[in-house]
Protein backbone atom coordinates (compact mmCIF):
# COMPACT_ATOMS: atom_id res chain seq x y z
CA MET A 1 39.15 217.57 104.40
CA THR A 2 38.70 221.36 103.37
CA GLN A 3 41.48 224.04 103.86
CA ASN A 4 40.43 227.00 106.70
CA SER A 5 41.55 230.39 105.99
CA THR A 6 44.83 229.68 107.72
CA GLY A 7 45.69 226.98 104.88
CA ARG A 8 45.19 224.38 107.37
CA ARG A 9 43.36 221.13 106.90
CA THR A 10 39.96 220.68 108.46
CA THR A 11 37.51 218.17 108.56
CA ALA A 12 34.37 220.39 108.71
CA GLY A 13 33.38 219.56 105.00
CA GLY A 14 33.17 216.10 106.06
CA VAL A 15 31.15 215.80 109.23
CA PRO A 16 28.36 217.74 107.84
CA GLY A 17 28.06 215.25 104.61
CA ALA A 18 28.65 212.53 107.30
CA ALA A 19 25.86 213.77 109.30
CA THR A 20 23.40 214.43 106.27
CA VAL A 21 24.19 211.10 105.09
CA ALA A 22 23.45 209.11 108.85
CA THR A 23 20.21 211.49 109.01
CA GLY A 24 18.83 210.20 105.31
CA LEU A 25 19.65 206.78 106.24
CA ILE A 26 17.61 206.92 109.63
CA ALA A 27 14.72 209.11 107.61
CA GLY A 28 14.63 205.87 105.38
CA VAL A 29 13.93 203.19 107.94
CA PHE A 30 11.26 205.45 109.50
CA TYR A 31 9.81 206.35 106.16
CA VAL A 32 9.59 202.54 105.32
CA PHE A 33 8.24 201.72 108.38
CA ALA A 34 5.18 204.56 107.99
CA CYS A 35 4.54 203.44 104.43
CA ALA A 36 5.07 200.15 104.15
CA VAL A 37 6.53 197.80 107.36
CA MET A 38 3.42 198.45 109.28
CA PRO A 39 0.73 198.99 107.11
CA ALA A 40 2.04 195.33 105.56
CA LEU A 41 1.55 193.91 109.23
CA ALA A 42 -1.59 195.77 110.32
CA ARG A 43 -3.31 193.37 107.56
CA SER A 44 -1.71 190.42 109.32
CA GLU A 45 -3.36 188.59 113.16
CA ASP A 46 -3.14 189.39 116.45
CA ARG A 47 -0.21 186.75 117.29
CA VAL A 48 1.86 187.68 114.05
CA TYR A 49 1.66 191.04 114.09
CA ILE A 50 3.34 190.86 117.90
CA GLU A 51 5.85 188.47 117.27
CA VAL A 52 6.85 189.75 113.92
CA MET A 53 7.10 193.83 116.49
CA GLN A 54 9.20 191.82 118.34
CA ASN A 55 11.50 190.62 116.10
CA ILE A 56 11.53 193.45 114.52
CA ASN A 57 12.45 195.54 118.25
CA ASP A 58 15.12 192.62 118.91
CA VAL A 59 16.71 192.51 115.53
CA ILE A 60 16.74 196.52 114.93
CA GLN A 61 18.97 196.82 117.94
CA ASN A 62 22.60 196.16 116.31
CA PRO A 63 25.62 198.01 115.78
CA VAL A 64 24.82 199.48 112.46
CA PHE A 65 21.65 200.76 113.48
CA PHE A 66 23.30 202.43 116.66
CA LEU A 67 25.86 203.88 114.64
CA SER A 68 23.49 206.08 112.85
CA PHE A 69 20.28 206.35 114.91
CA LEU A 70 23.26 208.07 117.23
CA GLY A 71 25.65 209.40 114.85
CA ALA A 72 22.80 211.54 112.95
CA LEU A 73 22.77 213.06 116.35
CA VAL A 74 26.53 213.60 117.04
CA LEU A 75 27.56 214.21 113.71
CA THR A 76 24.49 216.70 113.05
CA ALA A 77 25.95 218.38 116.91
CA LEU A 78 29.20 218.29 115.89
CA SER A 79 28.65 220.60 112.42
CA ALA A 80 26.38 222.84 113.90
CA TRP A 81 29.51 223.58 116.71
CA GLN A 82 32.02 223.36 113.28
CA LEU A 83 29.62 225.66 111.31
CA ARG A 84 28.87 228.25 113.90
CA GLY A 85 30.13 231.27 112.56
CA SER A 86 29.16 230.21 108.78
CA PRO A 87 26.31 231.63 107.18
CA CYS A 88 24.17 228.22 106.78
CA ARG A 89 24.38 227.51 110.92
CA TRP A 90 20.68 228.39 111.43
CA TRP A 91 20.16 225.58 109.10
CA VAL A 92 22.15 223.15 111.17
CA PHE A 93 20.81 224.51 114.14
CA ALA A 94 17.68 223.98 113.00
CA ALA A 95 18.36 220.24 111.56
CA LEU A 96 20.07 219.51 115.24
CA ILE A 97 16.56 220.54 116.91
CA ALA A 98 14.42 218.18 114.87
CA TYR A 99 16.56 215.28 114.66
CA ALA A 100 17.13 216.01 118.74
CA LEU A 101 13.25 215.88 118.89
CA VAL A 102 13.40 212.34 116.87
CA PHE A 103 16.03 211.07 119.44
CA LEU A 104 13.08 212.26 122.25
CA PHE A 105 10.66 210.83 120.87
CA THR A 106 12.10 207.30 120.01
CA VAL A 107 13.44 207.20 123.76
CA VAL A 108 10.46 208.83 125.57
CA VAL A 109 7.41 207.31 123.77
CA ASN A 110 8.52 204.15 120.76
CA ILE A 111 11.21 202.47 123.00
CA PRO A 112 9.04 202.16 125.89
CA LEU A 113 6.27 200.96 123.45
CA ASN A 114 8.79 198.55 121.84
CA ASN A 115 9.28 197.26 126.02
CA ASP A 116 5.94 196.27 126.67
CA LEU A 117 5.14 194.84 124.15
CA THR A 118 8.37 192.60 124.49
CA ASN A 119 7.40 192.10 128.48
CA ALA A 120 3.89 191.10 127.29
CA GLY A 121 5.89 187.65 126.42
CA ALA A 122 5.91 184.82 123.79
CA PRO A 123 2.65 185.79 121.36
CA ALA A 124 1.54 182.04 121.81
CA ARG A 125 1.46 182.09 125.84
CA ILE A 126 -0.39 186.09 125.95
CA ALA A 127 -4.42 185.37 126.55
CA ASP A 128 -5.53 188.99 125.29
CA PRO A 129 -3.34 189.42 122.11
CA ALA A 130 -5.44 191.82 120.21
CA ALA A 131 -5.31 194.06 123.59
CA VAL A 132 -2.03 194.10 123.99
CA ARG A 133 -2.07 195.00 119.82
CA ALA A 134 -4.32 197.76 120.44
CA LYS A 135 -2.20 199.26 123.57
CA PHE A 136 0.97 199.21 120.77
CA GLU A 137 -0.21 199.78 117.40
CA ASP A 138 -1.85 203.23 117.08
CA PRO A 139 0.38 205.29 118.76
CA TRP A 140 3.63 203.62 118.26
CA VAL A 141 2.26 204.46 114.46
CA ALA A 142 1.75 207.57 114.91
CA TRP A 143 4.91 208.38 116.62
CA ASN A 144 6.14 206.69 113.86
CA VAL A 145 5.16 208.66 111.37
CA VAL A 146 5.94 212.01 113.60
CA ARG A 147 9.73 210.37 114.26
CA ALA A 148 9.89 209.89 109.87
CA LEU A 149 8.72 213.67 109.32
CA LEU A 150 11.00 215.62 111.55
CA SER A 151 13.88 213.06 110.64
CA THR A 152 13.14 213.71 106.94
CA LEU A 153 12.72 217.83 107.84
CA ALA A 154 15.93 217.12 109.70
CA LEU A 155 17.33 215.66 106.49
CA ALA A 156 16.57 218.36 104.72
CA LEU A 157 17.64 221.73 106.32
CA LEU A 158 21.09 219.29 106.51
CA VAL A 159 21.01 219.33 102.20
CA ARG A 160 19.83 222.63 102.03
CA ALA A 161 23.19 223.57 104.55
CA LEU A 162 25.38 221.65 101.85
CA PHE A 163 24.14 223.61 99.33
CA LEU A 164 24.50 227.23 100.82
CA ARG A 165 28.07 225.94 102.08
CA GLY A 166 29.01 224.41 98.94
CA ARG A 167 28.04 228.04 96.78
CA ALA A 168 30.20 229.66 99.85
CA HIS A 169 33.21 227.74 99.04
CA ALA A 170 32.87 228.17 94.99
CA SER A 171 31.99 231.93 95.44
CA ALA A 172 34.83 232.91 97.93
CA TYR A 173 36.77 230.28 95.55
CA LEU A 174 35.57 232.27 92.56
CA ALA A 175 36.88 235.58 94.15
CA SER A 176 40.16 234.48 95.24
CA ALA A 177 40.77 232.84 91.68
CA ALA A 178 39.93 236.48 89.88
CA GLY A 179 41.74 238.20 92.25
CA SER A 180 44.91 236.32 92.18
CA SER A 181 48.08 236.78 89.64
CA ALA A 182 47.76 232.98 88.19
CA SER A 183 44.23 234.78 86.35
CA ARG A 184 45.23 237.21 84.86
């Protein structure tokens, strides 16, 4: 909590920090998929690839992931609202736009691809696993890279906003301390 100009305690400092952490966690998820998970799976046989992706798509739907994934969007939006009069607001608004695109691409592209893969059925019973994989793999990987880049951009923008906000608070503190009778 921080104090506002009226001396009241406010959560304005904690929300941008929480938004940054949540966005960083999600950026890390997409980064790891882009740099390690998908390249490793690319080496797998078609049925193994499908089975592992189906399993990942199943287990990632959990409260911890959803808290971060949805939390990043909600907390960044709340930060944008709280900091609307602050000099760092444009950085937060830009982060909100970048992360909103991550959210949109996930809902419009990646989740439907995941659902199609699930609907293909058990890998052992798929008649043409190579065709199922081909329909899924390239678009999913490409859009995941887009999500990784955009979420990393959102993270960098939030970090910049926190840095600028911290500098502004430090300058205000130093200015008030220099003008107080206690400092003379």
